[in-house]
C-alpha atoms as a PDB file:
ATOM      1  CA  MET A   1      16.745  67.461 -79.899  1.00  0.00           C
ATOM      2  CA  LYS A   2      16.402  70.506 -77.646  1.00  0.00           C
ATOM      3  CA  ALA A   3      12.620  70.437 -78.054  1.00  0.00           C
ATOM      4  CA  LYS A   4      12.565  66.768 -77.127  1.00  0.00           C
ATOM      5  CA  VAL A   5      14.590  67.443 -73.960  1.00  0.00           C
ATOM      6  CA  GLN A   6      12.229  70.273 -72.974  1.00  0.00           C
ATOM      7  CA  HIS A   7       9.279  67.969 -73.556  1.00  0.00           C
ATOM      8  CA  ILE A   8      10.792  65.307 -71.286  1.00  0.00           C
ATOM      9  CA  VAL A   9      11.502  67.901 -68.573  1.00  0.00           C
ATOM     10  CA  LEU A  10       7.897  69.113 -68.709  1.00  0.00           C
ATOM     11  CA  LEU A  11       6.639  65.549 -68.412  1.00  0.00           C
ATOM     12  CA  LEU A  12       8.859  64.946 -65.388  1.00  0.00           C
ATOM     13  CA  LEU A  13       7.683  68.170 -63.747  1.00  0.00           C
ATOM     14  CA  PHE A  14       4.072  67.242 -64.424  1.00  0.00           C
ATOM     15  CA  ALA A  15       4.588  63.768 -63.007  1.00  0.00           C
ATOM     16  CA  GLY A  16       6.248  65.212 -59.910  1.00  0.00           C
ATOM     17  CA  ASN A  17       3.380  67.622 -59.348  1.00  0.00           C
ATOM     18  CA  MET A  18       0.829  64.840 -59.738  1.00  0.00           C
ATOM     19  CA  MET A  19       2.697  62.692 -57.217  1.00  0.00           C
ATOM     20  CA  SER A  20       2.737  65.622 -54.790  1.00  0.00           C
ATOM     21  CA  VAL A  21      -1.000  66.143 -55.227  1.00  0.00           C
ATOM     22  CA  ALA A  22      -1.642  62.434 -54.729  1.00  0.00           C
ATOM     23  CA  GLN A  23       0.467  62.430 -51.564  1.00  0.00           C
ATOM     24  CA  ASP A  24      -1.384  65.480 -50.226  1.00  0.00           C
ATOM     25  CA  SER A  25      -4.668  63.764 -51.038  1.00  0.00           C
ATOM     26  CA  ARG A  26      -3.608  60.658 -49.117  1.00  0.00           C
ATOM     27  CA  LEU A  27      -2.510  62.789 -46.167  1.00  0.00           C
ATOM     28  CA  MET A  28      -5.803  64.642 -46.172  1.00  0.00           C
ATOM     29  CA  SER A  29      -7.736  61.391 -46.379  1.00  0.00           C
ATOM     30  CA  ARG A  30      -5.810  59.980 -43.420  1.00  0.00           C
ATOM     31  CA  ALA A  31      -6.372  63.174 -41.472  1.00  0.00           C
ATOM     32  CA  VAL A  32     -10.081  63.040 -42.217  1.00  0.00           C
ATOM     33  CA  LEU A  33     -10.159  59.381 -41.248  1.00  0.00           C
ATOM     34  CA  ASP A  34      -8.364  60.078 -37.978  1.00  0.00           C
ATOM     35  CA  SER A  35     -10.740  62.928 -37.186  1.00  0.00           C
ATOM     36  CA  LEU A  36     -13.689  60.614 -37.723  1.00  0.00           C
ATOM     37  CA  MET A  37     -12.259  57.743 -35.708  1.00  0.00           C
ATOM     38  CA  SER A  38     -10.935  59.898 -32.881  1.00  0.00           C
ATOM     39  CA  PRO A  39     -12.457  63.395 -32.988  1.00  0.00           C
ATOM     40  CA  ARG A  40     -11.149  66.094 -30.702  1.00  0.00           C
ATOM     41  CA  VAL A  41     -13.373  66.677 -27.678  1.00  0.00           C
ATOM     42  CA  MET A  42     -14.962  70.118 -27.411  1.00  0.00           C
ATOM     43  CA  GLN A  43     -13.137  72.430 -25.054  1.00  0.00           C
ATOM     44  CA  GLY A  44     -15.245  72.842 -21.931  1.00  0.00           C
ATOM     45  CA  GLY A  45     -17.281  69.768 -22.742  1.00  0.00           C
ATOM     46  CA  ASP A  46     -17.392  68.842 -19.063  1.00  0.00           C
ATOM     47  CA  ASN A  47     -19.346  72.039 -18.491  1.00  0.00           C
ATOM     48  CA  VAL A  48     -22.141  70.583 -20.613  1.00  0.00           C
ATOM     49  CA  LEU A  49     -22.321  66.958 -19.485  1.00  0.00           C
ATOM     50  CA  ARG A  50     -20.287  65.954 -16.451  1.00  0.00           C
ATOM     51  CA  PHE A  51     -19.554  62.229 -16.210  1.00  0.00           C
ATOM     52  CA  GLU A  52     -18.723  60.398 -13.005  1.00  0.00           C
ATOM     53  CA  ASN A  53     -16.104  58.379 -14.892  1.00  0.00           C
ATOM     54  CA  LEU A  54     -14.825  58.905 -18.409  1.00  0.00           C
ATOM     55  CA  GLN A  55     -12.826  55.682 -18.302  1.00  0.00           C
ATOM     56  CA  GLN A  56     -13.837  52.262 -17.052  1.00  0.00           C
ATOM     57  CA  ASP A  57     -12.101  48.897 -16.983  1.00  0.00           C
ATOM     58  CA  PHE A  58     -14.212  45.736 -17.066  1.00  0.00           C
ATOM     59  CA  GLY A  59     -11.233  43.567 -16.117  1.00  0.00           C
ATOM     60  CA  VAL A  60     -10.790  40.123 -17.647  1.00  0.00           C
ATOM     61  CA  ILE A  61     -13.492  38.194 -19.489  1.00  0.00           C
ATOM     62  CA  TYR A  62     -13.544  35.277 -21.888  1.00  0.00           C
ATOM     63  CA  GLU A  63     -14.132  35.408 -25.622  1.00  0.00           C
ATOM     64  CA  THR A  64     -17.187  33.163 -25.310  1.00  0.00           C
ATOM     65  CA  ASP A  65     -18.795  35.222 -22.551  1.00  0.00           C
ATOM     66  CA  SER A  66     -22.060  37.003 -23.262  1.00  0.00           C
ATOM     67  CA  PRO A  67     -21.883  40.685 -24.222  1.00  0.00           C
ATOM     68  CA  LEU A  68     -21.459  42.910 -21.182  1.00  0.00           C
ATOM     69  CA  ALA A  69     -22.806  46.389 -20.478  1.00  0.00           C
ATOM     70  CA  VAL A  70     -20.894  49.183 -18.759  1.00  0.00           C
ATOM     71  CA  GLU A  71     -22.728  52.280 -17.563  1.00  0.00           C
ATOM     72  CA  TYR A  72     -21.433  55.845 -17.675  1.00  0.00           C
ATOM     73  CA  HIS A  73     -23.459  58.150 -15.424  1.00  0.00           C
ATOM     74  CA  PHE A  74     -23.570  61.879 -16.018  1.00  0.00           C
ATOM     75  CA  VAL A  75     -25.468  65.066 -15.209  1.00  0.00           C
ATOM     76  CA  ASN A  76     -26.447  68.063 -17.327  1.00  0.00           C
ATOM     77  CA  VAL A  77     -24.495  70.960 -15.797  1.00  0.00           C
ATOM     78  CA  SER A  78     -24.929  73.393 -18.689  1.00  0.00           C
ATOM     79  CA  GLY A  79     -27.809  75.298 -17.078  1.00  0.00           C
ATOM     80  CA  LYS A  80     -29.981  74.763 -20.162  1.00  0.00           C
ATOM     81  CA  PRO A  81     -31.826  71.890 -21.849  1.00  0.00           C
ATOM     82  CA  VAL A  82     -29.483  69.605 -23.775  1.00  0.00           C
ATOM     83  CA  SER A  83     -30.230  66.904 -26.311  1.00  0.00           C
ATOM     84  CA  ILE A  84     -27.827  64.091 -27.038  1.00  0.00           C
ATOM     85  CA  THR A  85     -27.929  64.104 -30.820  1.00  0.00           C
ATOM     86  CA  ARG A  86     -25.645  61.167 -31.615  1.00  0.00           C
ATOM     87  CA  ILE A  87     -23.189  58.722 -30.108  1.00  0.00           C
ATOM     88  CA  THR A  88     -20.387  57.136 -32.154  1.00  0.00           C
ATOM     89  CA  THR A  89     -17.923  54.368 -31.354  1.00  0.00           C
ATOM     90  CA  ASN A  90     -14.585  53.498 -32.936  1.00  0.00           C
ATOM     91  CA  CYS A  91     -15.055  49.741 -32.707  1.00  0.00           C
ATOM     92  CA  GLY A  92     -17.677  47.439 -34.165  1.00  0.00           C
ATOM     93  CA  CYS A  93     -17.472  45.446 -30.929  1.00  0.00           C
ATOM     94  CA  THR A  94     -19.310  48.180 -29.005  1.00  0.00           C
ATOM     95  CA  ALA A  95     -22.764  49.716 -29.210  1.00  0.00           C
ATOM     96  CA  ALA A  96     -24.190  52.605 -27.206  1.00  0.00           C
ATOM     97  CA  GLU A  97     -27.630  52.951 -25.622  1.00  0.00           C
ATOM     98  CA  ILE A  98     -29.186  55.909 -23.841  1.00  0.00           C
ATOM     99  CA  GLY A  99     -32.465  56.143 -21.978  1.00  0.00           C
ATOM    100  CA  ASP A 100     -33.622  59.753 -22.414  1.00  0.00           C
ATOM    101  CA  SER A 101     -31.749  61.875 -24.937  1.00  0.00           C
ATOM    102  CA  LEU A 102     -33.356  65.184 -23.816  1.00  0.00           C
ATOM    103  CA  LEU A 103     -32.138  66.404 -20.455  1.00  0.00           C
ATOM    104  CA  SER A 104     -33.275  69.379 -18.420  1.00  0.00           C
ATOM    105  CA  PRO A 105     -30.750  71.440 -16.445  1.00  0.00           C
ATOM    106  CA  GLY A 106     -29.444  69.377 -13.527  1.00  0.00           C
ATOM    107  CA  GLU A 107     -31.005  66.170 -14.845  1.00  0.00           C
ATOM    108  CA  LYS A 108     -29.021  62.969 -14.566  1.00  0.00           C
ATOM    109  CA  GLY A 109     -28.624  60.386 -17.283  1.00  0.00           C
ATOM    110  CA  VAL A 110     -26.761  57.225 -18.177  1.00  0.00           C
ATOM    111  CA  ILE A 111     -25.117  55.934 -21.330  1.00  0.00           C
ATOM    112  CA  ARG A 112     -24.774  52.186 -21.519  1.00  0.00           C
ATOM    113  CA  ILE A 113     -21.947  50.776 -23.634  1.00  0.00           C
ATOM    114  CA  LYS A 114     -22.372  47.169 -24.689  1.00  0.00           C
ATOM    115  CA  PHE A 115     -19.249  45.211 -25.567  1.00  0.00           C
ATOM    116  CA  ASN A 116     -19.253  41.916 -27.461  1.00  0.00           C
ATOM    117  CA  PRO A 117     -16.073  39.901 -26.737  1.00  0.00           C
ATOM    118  CA  ARG A 118     -16.568  37.396 -29.545  1.00  0.00           C
ATOM    119  CA  ARG A 119     -13.408  37.209 -31.680  1.00  0.00           C
ATOM    120  CA  ARG A 120     -11.934  40.114 -29.709  1.00  0.00           C
ATOM    121  CA  SER A 121      -9.261  38.320 -27.709  1.00  0.00           C
ATOM    122  CA  GLY A 122      -6.504  40.566 -26.423  1.00  0.00           C
ATOM    123  CA  THR A 123      -6.373  44.040 -24.955  1.00  0.00           C
ATOM    124  CA  VAL A 124      -9.496  46.175 -25.296  1.00  0.00           C
ATOM    125  CA  ASP A 125      -9.185  49.958 -25.624  1.00  0.00           C
ATOM    126  CA  THR A 126     -12.231  51.463 -27.310  1.00  0.00           C
ATOM    127  CA  ASN A 127     -13.709  54.976 -27.338  1.00  0.00           C
ATOM    128  CA  THR A 128     -17.256  56.262 -27.555  1.00  0.00           C
ATOM    129  CA  PHE A 129     -17.976  59.903 -28.476  1.00  0.00           C
ATOM    130  CA  VAL A 130     -21.003  61.857 -27.250  1.00  0.00           C
ATOM    131  CA  TYR A 131     -22.451  64.723 -29.283  1.00  0.00           C
ATOM    132  CA  THR A 132     -25.119  67.157 -28.091  1.00  0.00           C
ATOM    133  CA  SER A 133     -27.293  69.965 -29.416  1.00  0.00           C
ATOM    134  CA  LEU A 134     -24.634  72.355 -28.078  1.00  0.00           C
ATOM    135  CA  SER A 135     -21.793  70.629 -29.921  1.00  0.00           C
ATOM    136  CA  SER A 136     -22.872  69.291 -33.292  1.00  0.00           C
ATOM    137  CA  ASN A 137     -19.324  69.338 -34.727  1.00  0.00           C
ATOM    138  CA  ALA A 138     -17.346  68.110 -31.731  1.00  0.00           C
ATOM    139  CA  PRO A 139     -18.142  65.607 -28.989  1.00  0.00           C
ATOM    140  CA  VAL A 140     -18.535  66.850 -25.430  1.00  0.00           C
ATOM    141  CA  ALA A 141     -17.066  63.642 -24.018  1.00  0.00           C
ATOM    142  CA  LYS A 142     -14.933  60.661 -24.916  1.00  0.00           C
ATOM    143  CA  LEU A 143     -15.845  57.527 -22.981  1.00  0.00           C
ATOM    144  CA  THR A 144     -13.072  54.943 -22.825  1.00  0.00           C
ATOM    145  CA  LEU A 145     -13.633  51.255 -22.199  1.00  0.00           C
ATOM    146  CA  LEU A 146     -10.671  49.109 -21.194  1.00  0.00           C
ATOM    147  CA  GLY A 147     -10.255  45.438 -20.458  1.00  0.00           C
ATOM    148  CA  ASN A 148      -8.771  42.169 -21.551  1.00  0.00           C
ATOM    149  CA  VAL A 149     -10.424  39.302 -23.424  1.00  0.00           C
ATOM    150  CA  ILE A 150      -9.014  35.805 -23.092  1.00  0.00           C
ATOM    151  CA  ASP A 151      -9.380  33.101 -25.708  1.00  0.00           C
ATOM    152  CA  ASN A 152     -10.755  30.351 -23.495  1.00  0.00           C
ATOM    153  CA  ASP A 153     -10.080  27.452 -25.813  1.00  0.00           C
ATOM    154  CA  GLU A 154      -8.934  24.984 -23.165  1.00  0.00           C
ATOM    155  CA  TRP A 155      -6.874  23.164 -25.772  1.00  0.00           C
ATOM    156  CA  ASN A 156      -4.590  26.103 -26.602  1.00  0.00           C
ATOM    157  CA  HIS A 157      -1.670  24.085 -25.265  1.00  0.00           C
ATOM    158  CA  LEU A 158      -2.275  21.594 -28.092  1.00  0.00           C
ATOM    159  CA  PRO A 159      -1.625  23.647 -31.232  1.00  0.00           C
ATOM    160  CA  CYS A 160      -1.693  20.856 -33.852  1.00  0.00           C
ATOM    161  CA  ARG A 161      -4.786  19.192 -35.241  1.00  0.00           C
ATOM    162  CA  MET A 162      -5.911  15.986 -36.965  1.00  0.00           C
ATOM    163  CA  GLY A 163      -9.648  16.153 -37.512  1.00  0.00           C
ATOM    164  CA  MET A 164     -11.213  16.215 -34.033  1.00  0.00           C
ATOM    165  CA  LEU A 165      -7.884  15.355 -32.402  1.00  0.00           C
ATOM    166  CA  LYS A 166      -5.639  18.122 -31.093  1.00  0.00           C
ATOM    167  CA  LEU A 167      -1.986  17.367 -30.421  1.00  0.00           C
ATOM    168  CA  LYS A 168       1.003  18.955 -28.774  1.00  0.00           C
ATOM    169  CA  ARG A 169       3.153  18.283 -31.833  1.00  0.00           C
ATOM    170  CA  LYS A 170       3.404  16.152 -34.967  1.00  0.00           C
ATOM    171  CA  GLU A 171       7.055  15.235 -34.651  1.00  0.00           C
ATOM    172  CA  VAL A 172       9.045  13.077 -32.241  1.00  0.00           C
ATOM    173  CA  VAL A 173      12.780  12.476 -31.944  1.00  0.00           C
ATOM    174  CA  PHE A 174      14.360   9.358 -30.446  1.00  0.00           C
ATOM    175  CA  GLU A 175      17.861   9.244 -29.051  1.00  0.00           C
ATOM    176  CA  PRO A 176      20.038   6.397 -30.395  1.00  0.00           C
ATOM    177  CA  VAL A 177      18.082   3.144 -29.971  1.00  0.00           C
ATOM    178  CA  LYS A 178      20.039   0.138 -28.711  1.00  0.00           C
ATOM    179  CA  ALA A 179      19.183  -3.557 -28.908  1.00  0.00           C
ATOM    180  CA  GLY A 180      17.227  -4.777 -25.912  1.00  0.00           C
ATOM    181  CA  THR A 181      15.542  -1.412 -25.389  1.00  0.00           C
ATOM    182  CA  ASN A 182      12.064  -0.195 -26.250  1.00  0.00           C
ATOM    183  CA  PRO A 183      12.116   3.592 -25.938  1.00  0.00           C
ATOM    184  CA  GLN A 184       8.860   5.523 -26.116  1.00  0.00           C
ATOM    185  CA  GLN A 185       7.808   9.004 -27.088  1.00  0.00           C
ATOM    186  CA  ARG A 186       4.512  10.437 -25.910  1.00  0.00           C
ATOM    187  CA  ILE A 187       2.450  13.133 -27.577  1.00  0.00           C
ATOM    188  CA  PRO A 188      -0.242  14.764 -25.409  1.00  0.00           C
ATOM    189  CA  CYS A 189      -3.546  14.966 -27.261  1.00  0.00           C
ATOM    190  CA  ALA A 190      -7.236  15.671 -26.715  1.00  0.00           C
ATOM    191  CA  ASN A 191     -10.517  14.661 -28.302  1.00  0.00           C
ATOM    192  CA  VAL A 192     -12.299  17.927 -29.148  1.00  0.00           C
ATOM    193  CA  GLY A 193     -15.134  16.180 -30.968  1.00  0.00           C
ATOM    194  CA  THR A 194     -18.425  14.767 -29.724  1.00  0.00           C
ATOM    195  CA  VAL A 195     -17.728  11.019 -30.131  1.00  0.00           C
ATOM    196  CA  PRO A 196     -14.998   8.808 -28.609  1.00  0.00           C
ATOM    197  CA  LEU A 197     -11.805   8.247 -30.603  1.00  0.00           C
ATOM    198  CA  ARG A 198      -9.948   4.955 -31.059  1.00  0.00           C
ATOM    199  CA  LEU A 199      -6.675   5.583 -32.839  1.00  0.00           C
ATOM    200  CA  SER A 200      -4.403   3.140 -34.627  1.00  0.00           C
ATOM    201  CA  SER A 201      -1.757   3.108 -37.346  1.00  0.00           C
ATOM    202  CA  GLU A 202      -1.247   0.752 -40.259  1.00  0.00           C
ATOM    203  CA  LEU A 203       1.240   2.831 -42.272  1.00  0.00           C
ATOM    204  CA  LYS A 204       4.374   2.615 -40.153  1.00  0.00           C
ATOM    205  CA  PRO A 205       7.632   0.606 -40.042  1.00  0.00           C
ATOM    206  CA  SER A 206       7.441  -2.909 -38.590  1.00  0.00           C
ATOM    207  CA  PHE A 207       9.798  -2.022 -35.735  1.00  0.00           C
ATOM    208  CA  VAL A 208       7.427   0.722 -34.530  1.00  0.00           C
ATOM    209  CA  SER A 209       4.316   0.221 -32.434  1.00  0.00           C
ATOM    210  CA  PHE A 210       1.540   2.747 -32.006  1.00  0.00           C
ATOM    211  CA  GLY A 211      -1.025   3.122 -29.246  1.00  0.00           C
ATOM    212  CA  THR A 212      -2.883   5.570 -27.041  1.00  0.00           C
ATOM    213  CA  GLU A 213      -3.474   5.903 -23.325  1.00  0.00           C
ATOM    214  CA  PRO A 214      -6.305   5.471 -22.695  1.00  0.00           C
ATOM    215  CA  VAL A 215      -7.170   3.109 -25.546  1.00  0.00           C
ATOM    216  CA  GLU A 216     -10.363   5.086 -26.153  1.00  0.00           C
ATOM    217  CA  ILE A 217     -10.214   8.851 -25.719  1.00  0.00           C
ATOM    218  CA  ALA A 218     -13.626  10.125 -24.680  1.00  0.00           C
ATOM    219  CA  SER A 219     -15.120  13.352 -25.973  1.00  0.00           C
ATOM    220  CA  GLY A 220     -13.582  16.330 -24.210  1.00  0.00           C
ATOM    221  CA  GLU A 221     -10.849  14.215 -22.601  1.00  0.00           C
ATOM    222  CA  GLU A 222      -7.083  14.224 -22.918  1.00  0.00           C
ATOM    223  CA  GLY A 223      -4.719  11.329 -23.515  1.00  0.00           C
ATOM    224  CA  ASP A 224      -1.355  10.397 -24.942  1.00  0.00           C
ATOM    225  CA  ILE A 225      -0.269   8.985 -28.272  1.00  0.00           C
ATOM    226  CA  VAL A 226       2.489   6.492 -27.500  1.00  0.00           C
ATOM    227  CA  ILE A 227       5.058   5.616 -30.178  1.00  0.00           C
ATOM    228  CA  THR A 228       7.488   2.814 -29.313  1.00  0.00           C
ATOM    229  CA  VAL A 229      10.607   1.667 -31.165  1.00  0.00           C
ATOM    230  CA  ASN A 230      11.632  -1.992 -30.672  1.00  0.00           C
ATOM    231  CA  GLY A 231      15.436  -2.004 -30.505  1.00  0.00           C
ATOM    232  CA  ASP A 232      15.659  -5.746 -31.231  1.00  0.00           C
ATOM    233  CA  MET A 233      13.638  -5.362 -34.453  1.00  0.00           C
ATOM    234  CA  LEU A 234      15.448  -2.250 -35.621  1.00  0.00           C
ATOM    235  CA  PRO A 235      17.540  -3.177 -38.696  1.00  0.00           C
ATOM    236  CA  PRO A 236      21.033  -1.706 -39.077  1.00  0.00           C
ATOM    237  CA  ASN A 237      19.988   0.077 -42.255  1.00  0.00           C
ATOM    238  CA  ALA A 238      16.719   1.428 -40.820  1.00  0.00           C
ATOM    239  CA  PRO A 239      15.765   4.868 -42.127  1.00  0.00           C
ATOM    240  CA  ARG A 240      16.574   7.667 -39.748  1.00  0.00           C
ATOM    241  CA  SER A 241      13.406   9.549 -40.654  1.00  0.00           C
ATOM    242  CA  PHE A 242       9.992   8.062 -41.383  1.00  0.00           C
ATOM    243  CA  SER A 243       6.292   8.725 -40.962  1.00  0.00           C
ATOM    244  CA  VAL A 244       3.517   7.225 -38.870  1.00  0.00           C
ATOM    245  CA  VAL A 245       0.029   7.757 -40.299  1.00  0.00           C
ATOM    246  CA  VAL A 246      -2.753   7.963 -37.713  1.00  0.00           C
ATOM    247  CA  ASP A 247      -6.036   6.140 -38.400  1.00  0.00           C
ATOM    248  CA  GLY A 248      -9.295   6.825 -36.609  1.00  0.00           C
ATOM    249  CA  VAL A 249      -9.494  10.527 -37.440  1.00  0.00           C
ATOM    250  CA  LYS A 250     -10.660  12.268 -40.585  1.00  0.00           C
ATOM    251  CA  GLY A 251      -8.289  14.086 -42.907  1.00  0.00           C
ATOM    252  CA  ARG A 252      -5.791  13.667 -45.677  1.00  0.00           C
ATOM    253  CA  ILE A 253      -2.829  11.378 -45.046  1.00  0.00           C
ATOM    254  CA  SER A 254      -0.548  14.410 -44.972  1.00  0.00           C
ATOM    255  CA  ASP A 255      -2.716  15.892 -42.207  1.00  0.00           C
ATOM    256  CA  ARG A 256      -2.660  12.638 -40.198  1.00  0.00           C
ATOM    257  CA  THR A 257       1.092  12.100 -40.307  1.00  0.00           C
ATOM    258  CA  ILE A 258       3.529  12.112 -37.400  1.00  0.00           C
ATOM    259  CA  ASN A 259       7.165  12.529 -38.427  1.00  0.00           C
ATOM    260  CA  VAL A 260       9.646  10.373 -36.532  1.00  0.00           C
ATOM    261  CA  LYS A 261      13.392  10.881 -36.397  1.00  0.00           C
ATOM    262  CA  LEU A 262      15.976   8.415 -35.037  1.00  0.00           C
ATOM    263  CA  GLU A 263      19.225  10.002 -33.962  1.00  0.00           C
ATOM    264  CA  LYS A 264      22.449   8.136 -34.698  1.00  0.00           C
END
């Protein structure tokens, strides 16, 4: 029994040591990763290459804009010939270009950072690291590019979709409907396709009418889906929740359904 207990203790100690080693390994891997993604700039790096600006802000652009180029001008102030051996970036959205990588003392140069905004909506904060023949292990400069990319989908205010139709919502709520009234609910929509849309609805209660304004929604144009409840046709036992299926757009019935609720 005593031997078995000792064996279990040894196994626990071994397992604990292995967990500690694994944790140290993960910490080291993260540290290595951080050093690669954001290496520490060489002390006195500005005495090798002196940049006019280490940080630039391109302002606001759209996600569908063409790639832009930002230039970082510098001069070799080291007093000796310097070669730019490599340039790294911490974002796949940027790429660096340099004209002449070998610079004589006092010679000026420029590094051009190209930024591609495609699928990069939001705040931009990227870094580019410059290595030279005098600093093979550490960069002499960190060039920062800032800005903001806007998703210029003009239909962002219409978050729902039915085929090539974008809508504000897929649910409407009516206040209590009285006889002699014909209340309406409107759903803003837009045709994001390339052909005009004529919408209708066959699967709906008989006391509900469906239409659009305009009747035909042209490509790239906005309109309204108009759902009307006829108070005189509304039966006392009418369901308080039902669906209206939209025809004229592609998609499964569940994707083309507007949910309607009648409050009591």
